[in-house]
Amino acid sequence: MDNRFDMSDVRRLERHLARAIPRIRRDARSVTMRGAVNIKRDWRKNARQSSGRHAPAYPAAVGFDIANYGRDIVMAIIGPDKEAPQGALGNLLEYGSAKNPPHRDGGRALDVEEPRFEAQMALIAERGLAWW
């Protein structure tokens, strides 16, 4: 019985991953940024339609920040800036109150972007793992 193991494929995969991981990190950040821009744009559009008459400055208060947590976690924080004019109305407009129904401007924007974001992240993963 031959107990030898051919490591050439393992080494080739190791070299591939060493090249692919920095590209995957960069692409994931780009997809996160694009998703945040899309959500912000759609949230503002939704807010103009649903609350523009009652809170005309609110749509402009919606923005986003990108945060890195280590090398492998990128997060977009999207929503109204509470310091901006009418930005503090965000919770009331988004989630409603006892007397006002929720507008879900941000929730609807997220619902639209989520499948696109997931599809792009899946493509990044597939490209990163394809090595044969």
N, C-alpha and C. Protein backbone atom coordinates (compact mmCIF):
# COMPACT_ATOMS: atom_id res chain seq x y z
N MET A 1 0.84 -1.17 0.00
CA MET A 1 0.00 0.00 0.00
C MET A 1 0.89 1.25 0.00
N ASP A 2 0.57 2.20 -0.87
CA ASP A 2 1.35 3.43 -1.00
C ASP A 2 0.75 4.51 -0.10
N ASN A 3 1.52 5.03 0.86
CA ASN A 3 1.04 6.03 1.80
C ASN A 3 1.41 7.45 1.39
N ARG A 4 1.87 7.65 0.17
CA ARG A 4 2.26 8.99 -0.26
C ARG A 4 1.03 9.81 -0.62
N PHE A 5 1.16 11.09 -0.38
CA PHE A 5 0.06 12.02 -0.68
C PHE A 5 0.64 13.12 -1.55
N ASP A 6 -0.02 13.39 -2.66
CA ASP A 6 0.43 14.44 -3.58
C ASP A 6 -0.10 15.79 -3.08
N MET A 7 0.78 16.65 -2.65
CA MET A 7 0.41 17.96 -2.10
C MET A 7 0.33 19.04 -3.19
N SER A 8 0.57 18.70 -4.43
CA SER A 8 0.64 19.75 -5.46
C SER A 8 -0.69 20.51 -5.60
N ASP A 9 -1.82 19.81 -5.55
CA ASP A 9 -3.11 20.50 -5.65
C ASP A 9 -3.37 21.38 -4.43
N VAL A 10 -2.96 20.91 -3.26
CA VAL A 10 -3.14 21.70 -2.04
C VAL A 10 -2.30 22.97 -2.12
N ARG A 11 -1.08 22.85 -2.59
CA ARG A 11 -0.22 24.03 -2.72
C ARG A 11 -0.77 25.00 -3.77
N ARG A 12 -1.29 24.45 -4.84
CA ARG A 12 -1.88 25.29 -5.89
C ARG A 12 -3.10 26.04 -5.34
N LEU A 13 -3.95 25.37 -4.56
CA LEU A 13 -5.10 26.03 -3.93
C LEU A 13 -4.61 27.11 -2.96
N GLU A 14 -3.58 26.82 -2.20
CA GLU A 14 -3.03 27.80 -1.26
C GLU A 14 -2.56 29.05 -2.00
N ARG A 15 -1.86 28.89 -3.10
CA ARG A 15 -1.40 30.04 -3.89
C ARG A 15 -2.59 30.81 -4.47
N HIS A 16 -3.59 30.09 -4.93
CA HIS A 16 -4.78 30.74 -5.49
C HIS A 16 -5.48 31.58 -4.42
N LEU A 17 -5.68 31.01 -3.24
CA LEU A 17 -6.36 31.75 -2.18
C LEU A 17 -5.54 32.95 -1.71
N ALA A 18 -4.23 32.81 -1.68
CA ALA A 18 -3.38 33.93 -1.28
C ALA A 18 -3.55 35.10 -2.26
N ARG A 19 -3.75 34.81 -3.54
CA ARG A 19 -3.99 35.87 -4.52
C ARG A 19 -5.43 36.36 -4.49
N ALA A 20 -6.37 35.45 -4.22
CA ALA A 20 -7.80 35.78 -4.33
C ALA A 20 -8.32 36.57 -3.13
N ILE A 21 -7.83 36.31 -1.95
CA ILE A 21 -8.39 36.92 -0.75
C ILE A 21 -8.31 38.45 -0.76
N PRO A 22 -7.19 39.06 -1.13
CA PRO A 22 -7.18 40.53 -1.19
C PRO A 22 -8.19 41.08 -2.21
N ARG A 23 -8.34 40.40 -3.33
CA ARG A 23 -9.32 40.82 -4.34
C ARG A 23 -10.75 40.66 -3.81
N ILE A 24 -11.01 39.58 -3.09
CA ILE A 24 -12.34 39.35 -2.50
C ILE A 24 -12.65 40.45 -1.49
N ARG A 25 -11.68 40.81 -0.66
CA ARG A 25 -11.89 41.89 0.32
C ARG A 25 -12.22 43.20 -0.39
N ARG A 26 -11.46 43.53 -1.42
CA ARG A 26 -11.68 44.77 -2.16
C ARG A 26 -13.04 44.77 -2.85
N ASP A 27 -13.39 43.65 -3.48
CA ASP A 27 -14.67 43.56 -4.18
C ASP A 27 -15.84 43.60 -3.21
N ALA A 28 -15.70 42.96 -2.06
CA ALA A 28 -16.78 42.98 -1.06
C ALA A 28 -17.01 44.39 -0.55
N ARG A 29 -15.93 45.14 -0.36
CA ARG A 29 -16.09 46.55 0.07
C ARG A 29 -16.80 47.35 -1.03
N SER A 30 -16.43 47.12 -2.28
CA SER A 30 -17.08 47.84 -3.39
C SER A 30 -18.56 47.52 -3.49
N VAL A 31 -18.91 46.25 -3.32
CA VAL A 31 -20.32 45.85 -3.38
C VAL A 31 -21.09 46.44 -2.21
N THR A 32 -20.47 46.47 -1.04
CA THR A 32 -21.11 47.08 0.13
C THR A 32 -21.34 48.57 -0.10
N MET A 33 -20.35 49.24 -0.66
CA MET A 33 -20.48 50.67 -0.96
C MET A 33 -21.59 50.91 -1.98
N ARG A 34 -21.61 50.12 -3.04
CA ARG A 34 -22.64 50.28 -4.07
C ARG A 34 -24.03 50.02 -3.47
N GLY A 35 -24.15 48.99 -2.65
CA GLY A 35 -25.44 48.70 -2.00
C GLY A 35 -25.89 49.84 -1.10
N ALA A 36 -24.95 50.43 -0.35
CA ALA A 36 -25.29 51.56 0.53
C ALA A 36 -25.76 52.76 -0.28
N VAL A 37 -25.09 53.03 -1.39
CA VAL A 37 -25.50 54.14 -2.26
C VAL A 37 -26.90 53.88 -2.81
N ASN A 38 -27.16 52.65 -3.24
CA ASN A 38 -28.48 52.31 -3.78
C ASN A 38 -29.58 52.46 -2.73
N ILE A 39 -29.31 51.97 -1.53
CA ILE A 39 -30.31 52.06 -0.46
C ILE A 39 -30.55 53.51 -0.09
N LYS A 40 -29.48 54.29 0.05
CA LYS A 40 -29.63 55.72 0.37
C LYS A 40 -30.48 56.42 -0.69
N ARG A 41 -30.16 56.18 -1.95
CA ARG A 41 -30.90 56.81 -3.06
C ARG A 41 -32.38 56.43 -3.02
N ASP A 42 -32.65 55.13 -2.87
CA ASP A 42 -34.04 54.67 -2.86
C ASP A 42 -34.77 55.13 -1.60
N TRP A 43 -34.09 55.16 -0.47
CA TRP A 43 -34.70 55.63 0.77
C TRP A 43 -35.12 57.09 0.61
N ARG A 44 -34.21 57.90 0.05
CA ARG A 44 -34.54 59.31 -0.17
C ARG A 44 -35.73 59.45 -1.13
N LYS A 45 -35.73 58.66 -2.19
CA LYS A 45 -36.84 58.71 -3.15
C LYS A 45 -38.15 58.32 -2.48
N ASN A 46 -38.13 57.23 -1.72
CA ASN A 46 -39.32 56.80 -1.00
C ASN A 46 -39.79 57.87 -0.03
N ALA A 47 -38.85 58.50 0.68
CA ALA A 47 -39.19 59.52 1.67
C ALA A 47 -39.79 60.75 1.00
N ARG A 48 -39.28 61.11 -0.17
CA ARG A 48 -39.87 62.26 -0.88
C ARG A 48 -41.33 61.97 -1.25
N GLN A 49 -41.61 60.73 -1.61
CA GLN A 49 -42.97 60.37 -2.00
C GLN A 49 -43.90 60.24 -0.80
N SER A 50 -43.40 59.69 0.30
CA SER A 50 -44.29 59.40 1.42
C SER A 50 -44.39 60.53 2.45
N SER A 51 -43.32 61.29 2.61
CA SER A 51 -43.36 62.31 3.67
C SER A 51 -42.89 63.67 3.20
N GLY A 52 -42.66 63.83 1.94
CA GLY A 52 -42.13 65.08 1.41
C GLY A 52 -42.96 66.30 1.74
N ARG A 53 -44.25 66.15 1.79
CA ARG A 53 -45.13 67.27 2.08
C ARG A 53 -45.05 67.67 3.56
N HIS A 54 -44.95 66.68 4.43
CA HIS A 54 -44.95 66.94 5.87
C HIS A 54 -43.55 67.13 6.45
N ALA A 55 -42.56 66.54 5.81
CA ALA A 55 -41.18 66.64 6.30
C ALA A 55 -40.25 66.84 5.09
N PRO A 56 -40.29 68.01 4.47
CA PRO A 56 -39.56 68.21 3.22
C PRO A 56 -38.04 68.10 3.35
N ALA A 57 -37.47 68.36 4.51
CA ALA A 57 -36.02 68.28 4.69
C ALA A 57 -35.55 66.87 5.05
N TYR A 58 -36.48 66.01 5.43
CA TYR A 58 -36.11 64.67 5.90
C TYR A 58 -35.35 63.85 4.86
N PRO A 59 -35.77 63.77 3.60
CA PRO A 59 -35.03 62.92 2.65
C PRO A 59 -33.54 63.25 2.56
N ALA A 60 -33.20 64.53 2.61
CA ALA A 60 -31.79 64.92 2.53
C ALA A 60 -31.00 64.51 3.76
N ALA A 61 -31.67 64.19 4.85
CA ALA A 61 -30.98 63.76 6.07
C ALA A 61 -30.49 62.33 5.99
N VAL A 62 -30.99 61.57 5.02
CA VAL A 62 -30.61 60.15 4.89
C VAL A 62 -29.23 60.06 4.24
N GLY A 63 -28.34 59.34 4.88
CA GLY A 63 -26.99 59.14 4.38
C GLY A 63 -26.45 57.80 4.84
N PHE A 64 -25.14 57.61 4.71
CA PHE A 64 -24.55 56.35 5.16
C PHE A 64 -23.08 56.56 5.50
N ASP A 65 -22.57 55.63 6.28
CA ASP A 65 -21.15 55.53 6.61
C ASP A 65 -20.73 54.10 6.35
N ILE A 66 -19.49 53.93 5.93
CA ILE A 66 -18.91 52.60 5.76
C ILE A 66 -17.91 52.40 6.90
N ALA A 67 -18.01 51.28 7.57
CA ALA A 67 -17.11 50.98 8.68
C ALA A 67 -16.42 49.64 8.44
N ASN A 68 -15.13 49.59 8.72
CA ASN A 68 -14.37 48.35 8.67
C ASN A 68 -14.12 47.87 10.08
N TYR A 69 -14.34 46.60 10.30
CA TYR A 69 -14.04 45.95 11.57
C TYR A 69 -13.03 44.86 11.28
N GLY A 70 -11.76 45.19 11.43
CA GLY A 70 -10.72 44.26 11.04
C GLY A 70 -10.60 44.25 9.53
N ARG A 71 -9.94 43.23 9.00
CA ARG A 71 -9.74 43.16 7.55
C ARG A 71 -10.90 42.52 6.82
N ASP A 72 -11.72 41.76 7.53
CA ASP A 72 -12.71 40.94 6.84
C ASP A 72 -14.16 41.33 7.07
N ILE A 73 -14.42 42.39 7.80
CA ILE A 73 -15.80 42.79 8.04
C ILE A 73 -15.98 44.23 7.60
N VAL A 74 -16.89 44.43 6.65
CA VAL A 74 -17.24 45.75 6.16
C VAL A 74 -18.73 45.92 6.41
N MET A 75 -19.10 47.07 6.96
CA MET A 75 -20.50 47.29 7.28
C MET A 75 -20.90 48.68 6.84
N ALA A 76 -22.10 48.78 6.27
CA ALA A 76 -22.67 50.08 5.92
C ALA A 76 -23.74 50.41 6.95
N ILE A 77 -23.67 51.61 7.48
CA ILE A 77 -24.67 52.10 8.42
C ILE A 77 -25.45 53.17 7.67
N ILE A 78 -26.72 52.90 7.41
CA ILE A 78 -27.52 53.73 6.52
C ILE A 78 -28.72 54.26 7.29
N GLY A 79 -29.00 55.53 7.15
CA GLY A 79 -30.17 56.10 7.80
C GLY A 79 -30.07 57.59 7.94
N PRO A 80 -31.08 58.19 8.57
CA PRO A 80 -31.08 59.63 8.73
C PRO A 80 -30.07 60.09 9.78
N ASP A 81 -29.45 61.20 9.51
CA ASP A 81 -28.54 61.84 10.46
C ASP A 81 -29.41 62.66 11.41
N LYS A 82 -29.42 62.28 12.65
CA LYS A 82 -30.30 62.95 13.63
C LYS A 82 -29.94 64.41 13.85
N GLU A 83 -28.73 64.81 13.47
CA GLU A 83 -28.31 66.20 13.60
C GLU A 83 -28.77 67.06 12.41
N ALA A 84 -29.15 66.43 11.32
CA ALA A 84 -29.59 67.16 10.12
C ALA A 84 -31.03 67.64 10.32
N PRO A 85 -31.42 68.67 9.57
CA PRO A 85 -32.81 69.13 9.68
C PRO A 85 -33.80 67.99 9.43
N GLN A 86 -34.69 67.79 10.35
CA GLN A 86 -35.73 66.76 10.34
C GLN A 86 -35.20 65.33 10.39
N GLY A 87 -33.89 65.16 10.54
CA GLY A 87 -33.32 63.82 10.64
C GLY A 87 -33.79 63.06 11.87
N ALA A 88 -34.09 63.80 12.93
CA ALA A 88 -34.56 63.16 14.17
C ALA A 88 -35.95 62.56 14.01
N LEU A 89 -36.64 62.89 12.93
CA LEU A 89 -37.95 62.30 12.67
C LEU A 89 -37.85 60.88 12.11
N GLY A 90 -36.64 60.42 11.86
CA GLY A 90 -36.43 59.13 11.21
C GLY A 90 -37.16 57.97 11.84
N ASN A 91 -37.03 57.80 13.16
CA ASN A 91 -37.70 56.68 13.83
C ASN A 91 -39.21 56.77 13.69
N LEU A 92 -39.74 57.96 13.88
CA LEU A 92 -41.19 58.15 13.78
C LEU A 92 -41.69 57.86 12.37
N LEU A 93 -40.98 58.37 11.37
CA LEU A 93 -41.42 58.16 9.99
C LEU A 93 -41.23 56.71 9.54
N GLU A 94 -40.13 56.13 9.92
CA GLU A 94 -39.84 54.75 9.48
C GLU A 94 -40.74 53.73 10.16
N TYR A 95 -40.87 53.84 11.48
CA TYR A 95 -41.57 52.81 12.26
C TYR A 95 -42.97 53.19 12.71
N GLY A 96 -43.34 54.46 12.57
CA GLY A 96 -44.67 54.89 12.94
C GLY A 96 -44.81 55.10 14.44
N SER A 97 -46.02 55.40 14.83
CA SER A 97 -46.34 55.61 16.24
C SER A 97 -47.78 55.16 16.46
N ALA A 98 -48.30 55.42 17.64
CA ALA A 98 -49.68 55.05 17.93
C ALA A 98 -50.66 55.77 17.00
N LYS A 99 -50.28 56.95 16.53
CA LYS A 99 -51.19 57.73 15.70
C LYS A 99 -50.75 57.84 14.24
N ASN A 100 -49.57 57.35 13.92
CA ASN A 100 -49.05 57.45 12.55
C ASN A 100 -48.57 56.09 12.07
N PRO A 101 -48.98 55.68 10.88
CA PRO A 101 -48.51 54.39 10.36
C PRO A 101 -47.03 54.49 9.94
N PRO A 102 -46.34 53.37 9.94
CA PRO A 102 -44.94 53.39 9.50
C PRO A 102 -44.86 53.62 7.99
N HIS A 103 -43.86 54.37 7.56
CA HIS A 103 -43.65 54.60 6.13
C HIS A 103 -42.76 53.52 5.52
N ARG A 104 -41.85 52.97 6.30
CA ARG A 104 -40.91 51.94 5.85
C ARG A 104 -40.11 52.38 4.62
N ASP A 105 -39.76 53.65 4.55
CA ASP A 105 -38.98 54.15 3.42
C ASP A 105 -37.65 53.41 3.31
N GLY A 106 -36.95 53.27 4.41
CA GLY A 106 -35.69 52.54 4.42
C GLY A 106 -35.89 51.04 4.28
N GLY A 107 -36.91 50.52 4.93
CA GLY A 107 -37.19 49.09 4.83
C GLY A 107 -37.49 48.65 3.41
N ARG A 108 -38.25 49.47 2.70
CA ARG A 108 -38.56 49.15 1.30
C ARG A 108 -37.31 49.24 0.43
N ALA A 109 -36.46 50.23 0.70
CA ALA A 109 -35.20 50.36 -0.05
C ALA A 109 -34.31 49.15 0.20
N LEU A 110 -34.25 48.70 1.44
CA LEU A 110 -33.46 47.52 1.78
C LEU A 110 -34.02 46.27 1.11
N ASP A 111 -35.34 46.13 1.10
CA ASP A 111 -35.98 44.97 0.45
C ASP A 111 -35.60 44.88 -1.02
N VAL A 112 -35.49 46.02 -1.69
CA VAL A 112 -35.14 46.04 -3.12
C VAL A 112 -33.67 45.68 -3.31
N GLU A 113 -32.81 46.19 -2.45
CA GLU A 113 -31.36 46.01 -2.62
C GLU A 113 -30.87 44.64 -2.17
N GLU A 114 -31.51 44.04 -1.21
CA GLU A 114 -31.01 42.80 -0.61
C GLU A 114 -30.73 41.69 -1.64
N PRO A 115 -31.64 41.36 -2.55
CA PRO A 115 -31.31 40.28 -3.49
C PRO A 115 -30.16 40.64 -4.43
N ARG A 116 -30.05 41.90 -4.81
CA ARG A 116 -28.93 42.32 -5.68
C ARG A 116 -27.61 42.19 -4.92
N PHE A 117 -27.60 42.63 -3.66
CA PHE A 117 -26.41 42.56 -2.83
C PHE A 117 -25.98 41.10 -2.65
N GLU A 118 -26.93 40.24 -2.30
CA GLU A 118 -26.61 38.82 -2.10
C GLU A 118 -26.08 38.17 -3.37
N ALA A 119 -26.66 38.52 -4.51
CA ALA A 119 -26.20 37.96 -5.79
C ALA A 119 -24.77 38.40 -6.09
N GLN A 120 -24.46 39.66 -5.85
CA GLN A 120 -23.10 40.15 -6.09
C GLN A 120 -22.09 39.51 -5.15
N MET A 121 -22.46 39.33 -3.89
CA MET A 121 -21.55 38.68 -2.95
C MET A 121 -21.34 37.21 -3.32
N ALA A 122 -22.39 36.56 -3.81
CA ALA A 122 -22.24 35.16 -4.26
C ALA A 122 -21.29 35.09 -5.45
N LEU A 123 -21.38 36.03 -6.38
CA LEU A 123 -20.45 36.05 -7.52
C LEU A 123 -19.01 36.25 -7.06
N ILE A 124 -18.81 37.13 -6.10
CA ILE A 124 -17.46 37.35 -5.57
C ILE A 124 -16.92 36.05 -4.97
N ALA A 125 -17.75 35.37 -4.19
CA ALA A 125 -17.31 34.11 -3.57
C ALA A 125 -17.01 33.05 -4.63
N GLU A 126 -17.87 32.95 -5.63
CA GLU A 126 -17.64 31.97 -6.70
C GLU A 126 -16.35 32.25 -7.45
N ARG A 127 -16.11 33.52 -7.79
CA ARG A 127 -14.87 33.87 -8.50
C ARG A 127 -13.66 33.60 -7.63
N GLY A 128 -13.78 33.88 -6.34
CA GLY A 128 -12.65 33.67 -5.44
C GLY A 128 -12.31 32.22 -5.24
N LEU A 129 -13.32 31.36 -5.30
CA LEU A 129 -13.08 29.93 -5.06
C LEU A 129 -12.83 29.15 -6.33
N ALA A 130 -13.14 29.71 -7.49
CA ALA A 130 -12.93 29.01 -8.76
C ALA A 130 -11.43 28.99 -9.06
N TRP A 131 -10.86 27.84 -9.10
CA TRP A 131 -9.42 27.76 -9.34
C TRP A 131 -9.05 26.61 -10.28
N TRP A 132 -9.96 25.83 -10.67
CA TRP A 132 -9.60 24.72 -11.57
C TRP A 132 -9.60 25.18 -12.99
